Amino acid sequence: MDRAQSMELTATTSPTSLLDWLTLTCRHIALLAAMLATGGSLFFSEVLGWIPCELCWYQRILMYPLTVLLFIGIWRDDRKVYLYVLPLSLTGIAVALYHYLMVMLIIPPAPCAGAVPCAFDYINIPGVLSFVKIPFLALVAFIIISVMMANLALAETEPAHGRIARTMATAIVLATGLAFIGLDVMI
């Protein structure tokens, strides 16, 4: 690559505003959100022993593939990964919102077929953070993923790609995986 091509590549990929930076890293932010949600759900059930309710399982069914789709999408430099991710993440928003409204007792709890009622509240933080519940955490993750994928779909600039993007994606997966393994060892 000659100097002119290098300068052109740098000019097109260096973010000049917050929106440019989000566009450049949107797939990586979505991958991080999916990895944290996946690792968190596994930590809650496998390390803390919290039994997931039926709606938690539906949210997991929608979240777990997102980590794989986003990682592969980054590795393959697939600019249209949002076509595969958005249907799952938007459906996840609906399920997580419904579940959250039940846990917060805003809507009446539905009968669940599992061992744990869907309105059961494992996280009970008093005070200002009392709104934080497991479905709320899933809802936030699905929203972040959806917003990042919508940004990717509507953006005129290219997201990060190539070896740097693949290295960043691998680092996200390894770092979050090791962090949750470290939490398991500490507890």
Protein backbone atom coordinates (compact mmCIF):
# COMPACT_ATOMS: atom_id res chain seq x y z
CA MET A 1 0.00 0.00 0.00
CA ASP A 2 1.48 3.33 -0.97
CA ARG A 3 1.41 6.50 1.13
CA ALA A 4 -1.64 7.99 -0.69
CA GLN A 5 -3.74 4.86 -0.10
CA SER A 6 -2.66 4.78 3.55
CA MET A 7 -3.64 8.44 4.05
CA GLU A 8 -6.98 7.85 2.32
CA LEU A 9 -7.71 4.81 4.52
CA THR A 10 -6.81 6.80 7.65
CA ALA A 11 -8.98 9.71 6.57
CA THR A 12 -12.01 7.50 5.97
CA THR A 13 -11.69 5.49 9.17
CA SER A 14 -10.70 8.10 11.76
CA PRO A 15 -13.76 9.26 13.68
CA THR A 16 -14.46 12.99 13.68
CA SER A 17 -17.57 12.95 15.86
CA LEU A 18 -19.29 10.74 18.39
CA LEU A 19 -21.59 9.39 15.68
CA ASP A 20 -18.59 8.54 13.48
CA TRP A 21 -16.93 6.76 16.41
CA LEU A 22 -20.13 4.80 17.14
CA THR A 23 -20.39 3.82 13.48
CA LEU A 24 -16.78 2.73 13.40
CA THR A 25 -17.21 0.54 16.50
CA CYS A 26 -20.92 -0.35 16.38
CA ARG A 27 -20.42 -4.06 15.72
CA HIS A 28 -17.89 -4.26 18.54
CA ILE A 29 -20.15 -2.44 21.01
CA ALA A 30 -22.98 -4.82 20.08
CA LEU A 31 -20.65 -7.81 20.51
CA LEU A 32 -19.56 -6.56 23.94
CA ALA A 33 -23.20 -6.13 25.03
CA ALA A 34 -24.07 -9.62 23.79
CA MET A 35 -21.03 -11.17 25.49
CA LEU A 36 -21.78 -9.44 28.81
CA ALA A 37 -25.44 -10.53 28.66
CA THR A 38 -24.53 -14.10 27.75
CA GLY A 39 -21.80 -14.33 30.37
CA GLY A 40 -24.04 -12.68 32.97
CA SER A 41 -26.91 -15.09 32.38
CA LEU A 42 -24.57 -18.07 32.61
CA PHE A 43 -23.01 -16.62 35.78
CA PHE A 44 -26.43 -16.20 37.39
CA SER A 45 -27.52 -19.76 36.63
CA GLU A 46 -24.31 -21.79 36.69
CA VAL A 47 -22.34 -20.01 39.43
CA LEU A 48 -25.02 -18.48 41.66
CA GLY A 49 -27.45 -21.33 41.04
CA TRP A 50 -30.39 -19.11 40.09
CA ILE A 51 -32.90 -21.16 38.12
CA PRO A 52 -34.06 -19.33 34.97
CA CYS A 53 -37.78 -18.92 34.44
CA GLU A 54 -39.51 -19.68 31.15
CA LEU A 55 -39.20 -16.11 29.85
CA CYS A 56 -35.51 -16.05 30.82
CA TRP A 57 -35.02 -19.08 28.58
CA TYR A 58 -36.67 -17.28 25.66
CA GLN A 59 -34.38 -14.31 26.20
CA ARG A 60 -31.37 -16.63 26.27
CA ILE A 61 -32.53 -18.30 23.05
CA LEU A 62 -32.55 -14.84 21.45
CA MET A 63 -29.30 -13.55 23.03
CA TYR A 64 -26.85 -16.45 22.76
CA PRO A 65 -26.83 -16.62 18.93
CA LEU A 66 -26.17 -12.89 18.79
CA THR A 67 -22.67 -13.39 20.21
CA VAL A 68 -21.87 -15.88 17.46
CA LEU A 69 -23.50 -13.86 14.67
CA LEU A 70 -21.75 -10.64 15.67
CA PHE A 71 -18.36 -12.31 16.08
CA ILE A 72 -18.60 -14.08 12.72
CA GLY A 73 -19.96 -10.90 11.11
CA ILE A 74 -16.91 -8.96 12.27
CA TRP A 75 -14.51 -11.70 11.20
CA ARG A 76 -16.07 -11.88 7.74
CA ASP A 77 -16.27 -8.07 7.43
CA ASP A 78 -20.02 -8.47 6.86
CA ARG A 79 -21.40 -4.92 6.71
CA LYS A 80 -24.92 -6.35 6.53
CA VAL A 81 -24.73 -8.39 9.73
CA TYR A 82 -27.64 -6.25 10.98
CA LEU A 83 -29.93 -8.26 8.67
CA TYR A 84 -29.32 -11.33 10.85
CA VAL A 85 -28.99 -9.57 14.21
CA LEU A 86 -31.89 -7.10 14.23
CA PRO A 87 -34.73 -9.68 14.06
CA LEU A 88 -33.34 -11.46 17.14
CA SER A 89 -32.52 -8.30 19.09
CA LEU A 90 -35.85 -6.59 18.38
CA THR A 91 -37.75 -9.73 19.38
CA GLY A 92 -35.55 -9.83 22.49
CA ILE A 93 -36.60 -6.28 23.36
CA ALA A 94 -40.26 -7.32 23.23
CA VAL A 95 -39.76 -10.43 25.39
CA ALA A 96 -37.51 -8.67 27.91
CA LEU A 97 -39.86 -5.68 28.19
CA TYR A 98 -42.86 -7.97 28.76
CA HIS A 99 -40.88 -9.92 31.38
CA TYR A 100 -39.66 -6.73 33.07
CA LEU A 101 -43.19 -5.34 33.32
CA MET A 102 -44.28 -8.59 34.99
CA VAL A 103 -41.39 -8.54 37.49
CA MET A 104 -42.14 -4.91 38.33
CA LEU A 105 -45.83 -5.91 38.77
CA ILE A 106 -46.94 -3.31 36.23
CA ILE A 107 -48.84 -6.02 34.38
CA PRO A 108 -50.28 -9.12 36.03
CA PRO A 109 -47.91 -12.10 36.08
CA ALA A 110 -48.65 -14.80 33.54
CA PRO A 111 -48.58 -18.42 34.60
CA CYS A 112 -45.22 -19.96 33.71
CA ALA A 113 -44.62 -23.64 33.07
CA GLY A 114 -41.15 -23.68 34.64
CA ALA A 115 -39.98 -24.31 38.20
CA VAL A 116 -39.61 -20.58 38.87
CA PRO A 117 -42.48 -18.10 38.38
CA CYS A 118 -41.76 -15.51 35.69
CA ALA A 119 -42.46 -12.66 38.11
CA PHE A 120 -39.89 -13.95 40.63
CA ASP A 121 -37.31 -11.30 41.54
CA TYR A 122 -33.77 -12.59 42.18
CA ILE A 123 -32.25 -9.11 42.32
CA ASN A 124 -33.67 -6.98 45.11
CA ILE A 125 -31.67 -3.76 45.34
CA PRO A 126 -33.29 -1.25 47.70
CA GLY A 127 -33.50 2.44 47.00
CA VAL A 128 -32.67 4.32 43.83
CA LEU A 129 -31.57 1.22 41.92
CA SER A 130 -34.63 -0.85 42.80
CA PHE A 131 -35.62 -0.85 39.11
CA VAL A 132 -32.61 -3.04 38.21
CA LYS A 133 -33.87 -6.58 37.65
CA ILE A 134 -32.60 -9.42 35.46
CA PRO A 135 -35.08 -8.71 32.64
CA PHE A 136 -34.03 -5.04 32.80
CA LEU A 137 -30.40 -6.05 32.23
CA ALA A 138 -31.45 -8.17 29.23
CA LEU A 139 -33.60 -5.32 27.92
CA VAL A 140 -30.68 -2.89 28.08
CA ALA A 141 -28.42 -5.35 26.24
CA PHE A 142 -31.02 -5.96 23.50
CA ILE A 143 -31.55 -2.19 23.12
CA ILE A 144 -27.81 -1.49 22.85
CA ILE A 145 -27.43 -4.22 20.24
CA SER A 146 -30.45 -2.97 18.28
CA VAL A 147 -29.32 0.66 18.33
CA MET A 148 -25.82 -0.31 17.20
CA MET A 149 -27.21 -2.44 14.38
CA ALA A 150 -29.60 0.34 13.32
CA ASN A 151 -26.62 2.70 13.28
CA LEU A 152 -24.74 0.23 11.09
CA ALA A 153 -27.72 -0.13 8.74
CA LEU A 154 -28.19 3.63 8.34
CA ALA A 155 -24.56 4.74 8.39
CA GLU A 156 -22.88 6.10 5.33
CA THR A 157 -19.38 5.39 6.64
CA GLU A 158 -17.86 1.94 6.91
CA PRO A 159 -17.42 0.24 10.28
CA ALA A 160 -13.99 -0.89 11.43
CA HIS A 161 -12.84 -3.82 9.35
CA GLY A 162 -9.80 -5.92 8.58
CA ARG A 163 -7.22 -7.27 10.98
CA ILE A 164 -7.76 -4.57 13.61
CA ALA A 165 -11.50 -5.26 13.74
CA ARG A 166 -10.93 -9.01 14.02
CA THR A 167 -8.34 -8.49 16.75
CA MET A 168 -10.71 -6.22 18.70
CA ALA A 169 -13.54 -8.78 18.39
CA THR A 170 -11.29 -11.60 19.58
CA ALA A 171 -10.11 -9.44 22.50
CA ILE A 172 -13.72 -8.71 23.50
CA VAL A 173 -14.63 -12.39 23.49
CA LEU A 174 -11.49 -13.46 25.37
CA ALA A 175 -11.63 -10.62 27.92
CA THR A 176 -15.30 -11.12 28.80
CA GLY A 177 -14.90 -14.89 28.89
CA LEU A 178 -11.88 -14.65 31.19
CA ALA A 179 -13.63 -12.05 33.38
CA PHE A 180 -16.58 -14.38 33.98
CA ILE A 181 -14.28 -17.35 34.57
CA GLY A 182 -12.38 -15.20 37.06
CA LEU A 183 -15.64 -14.34 38.84
CA ASP A 184 -16.48 -18.04 39.03
CA VAL A 185 -13.08 -18.83 40.57
CA MET A 186 -13.39 -16.00 43.11
CA ILE A 187 -16.81 -17.17 44.33
